[in-house]
């Protein structure tokens, strides 16, 4: 029985997206908007990565 990786790419995407978005928000003087865009971008990218992982498991 193989050990599965339980790390969620969506969760990691949110964390890194908010961090990068907040950093860009500091640069553009709007932290909340930057964090919001970063979180949404992180969710989208994380979901795409999870989809590719699940697609490989089915093959």
C-alpha atoms as a PDB file:
ATOM      1  CA  UNK A   1       0.000   0.000   0.000  1.00  0.00           C
ATOM      2  CA  UNK A   2       1.442   3.338  -1.087  1.00  0.00           C
ATOM      3  CA  UNK A   3       1.552   6.313   1.214  1.00  0.00           C
ATOM      4  CA  UNK A   4      -0.416   9.198  -0.272  1.00  0.00           C
ATOM      5  CA  UNK A   5       0.684  12.810  -0.086  1.00  0.00           C
ATOM      6  CA  UNK A   6      -1.994  14.672   1.891  1.00  0.00           C
ATOM      7  CA  UNK A   7      -0.705  18.144   1.099  1.00  0.00           C
ATOM      8  CA  UNK A   8      -3.353  20.252  -0.603  1.00  0.00           C
ATOM      9  CA  UNK A   9      -2.161  22.336  -3.507  1.00  0.00           C
ATOM     10  CA  UNK A  10      -5.127  24.660  -3.025  1.00  0.00           C
ATOM     11  CA  UNK A  11      -4.087  25.360   0.564  1.00  0.00           C
ATOM     12  CA  UNK A  12      -0.503  26.028  -0.446  1.00  0.00           C
ATOM     13  CA  UNK A  13      -1.729  28.214  -3.294  1.00  0.00           C
ATOM     14  CA  UNK A  14      -3.775  30.324  -0.892  1.00  0.00           C
ATOM     15  CA  UNK A  15      -0.838  30.748   1.493  1.00  0.00           C
ATOM     16  CA  UNK A  16       1.668  31.743  -1.165  1.00  0.00           C
ATOM     17  CA  UNK A  17      -0.887  33.778  -3.117  1.00  0.00           C
ATOM     18  CA  UNK A  18      -1.816  35.884  -0.099  1.00  0.00           C
ATOM     19  CA  UNK A  19       1.850  36.420   0.763  1.00  0.00           C
ATOM     20  CA  UNK A  20       2.769  37.541  -2.740  1.00  0.00           C
ATOM     21  CA  UNK A  21      -0.435  39.577  -3.096  1.00  0.00           C
ATOM     22  CA  UNK A  22       0.162  41.358   0.204  1.00  0.00           C
ATOM     23  CA  UNK A  23       3.724  42.151  -0.825  1.00  0.00           C
ATOM     24  CA  UNK A  24       2.454  43.633  -4.071  1.00  0.00           C
ATOM     25  CA  UNK A  25      -0.248  45.437  -2.094  1.00  0.00           C
ATOM     26  CA  UNK A  26       2.434  47.097   0.026  1.00  0.00           C
ATOM     27  CA  UNK A  27       4.167  48.268  -3.137  1.00  0.00           C
ATOM     28  CA  UNK A  28       0.933  49.648  -4.615  1.00  0.00           C
ATOM     29  CA  UNK A  29      -0.356  50.939  -1.252  1.00  0.00           C
ATOM     30  CA  UNK A  30      -3.406  48.652  -1.040  1.00  0.00           C
ATOM     31  CA  UNK A  31      -2.682  45.560   1.042  1.00  0.00           C
ATOM     32  CA  UNK A  32      -6.257  44.245   1.283  1.00  0.00           C
ATOM     33  CA  UNK A  33      -6.837  44.311  -2.454  1.00  0.00           C
ATOM     34  CA  UNK A  34      -3.464  42.690  -3.135  1.00  0.00           C
ATOM     35  CA  UNK A  35      -4.118  39.918  -0.606  1.00  0.00           C
ATOM     36  CA  UNK A  36      -7.567  39.290  -2.084  1.00  0.00           C
ATOM     37  CA  UNK A  37      -6.226  39.015  -5.632  1.00  0.00           C
ATOM     38  CA  UNK A  38      -3.382  36.815  -4.411  1.00  0.00           C
ATOM     39  CA  UNK A  39      -5.748  34.464  -2.586  1.00  0.00           C
ATOM     40  CA  UNK A  40      -8.035  34.118  -5.586  1.00  0.00           C
ATOM     41  CA  UNK A  41      -5.079  33.495  -7.892  1.00  0.00           C
ATOM     42  CA  UNK A  42      -3.731  30.918  -5.420  1.00  0.00           C
ATOM     43  CA  UNK A  43      -7.050  29.054  -5.311  1.00  0.00           C
ATOM     44  CA  UNK A  44      -7.222  28.905  -9.098  1.00  0.00           C
ATOM     45  CA  UNK A  45      -3.625  27.744  -9.570  1.00  0.00           C
ATOM     46  CA  UNK A  46      -3.891  25.250  -6.693  1.00  0.00           C
ATOM     47  CA  UNK A  47      -7.080  23.745  -8.106  1.00  0.00           C
ATOM     48  CA  UNK A  48      -5.441  23.358 -11.518  1.00  0.00           C
ATOM     49  CA  UNK A  49      -2.449  21.596  -9.951  1.00  0.00           C
ATOM     50  CA  UNK A  50      -4.734  19.290  -7.932  1.00  0.00           C
ATOM     51  CA  UNK A  51      -6.658  18.497 -11.102  1.00  0.00           C
ATOM     52  CA  UNK A  52      -3.489  17.462 -12.895  1.00  0.00           C
ATOM     53  CA  UNK A  53      -2.430  15.307  -9.928  1.00  0.00           C
ATOM     54  CA  UNK A  54      -5.803  13.537  -9.840  1.00  0.00           C
ATOM     55  CA  UNK A  55      -5.746  13.062 -13.596  1.00  0.00           C
ATOM     56  CA  UNK A  56      -2.379  11.296 -13.375  1.00  0.00           C
ATOM     57  CA  UNK A  57      -3.671   8.948 -10.650  1.00  0.00           C
ATOM     58  CA  UNK A  58      -6.624   7.876 -12.791  1.00  0.00           C
ATOM     59  CA  UNK A  59      -4.423   6.988 -15.769  1.00  0.00           C
END
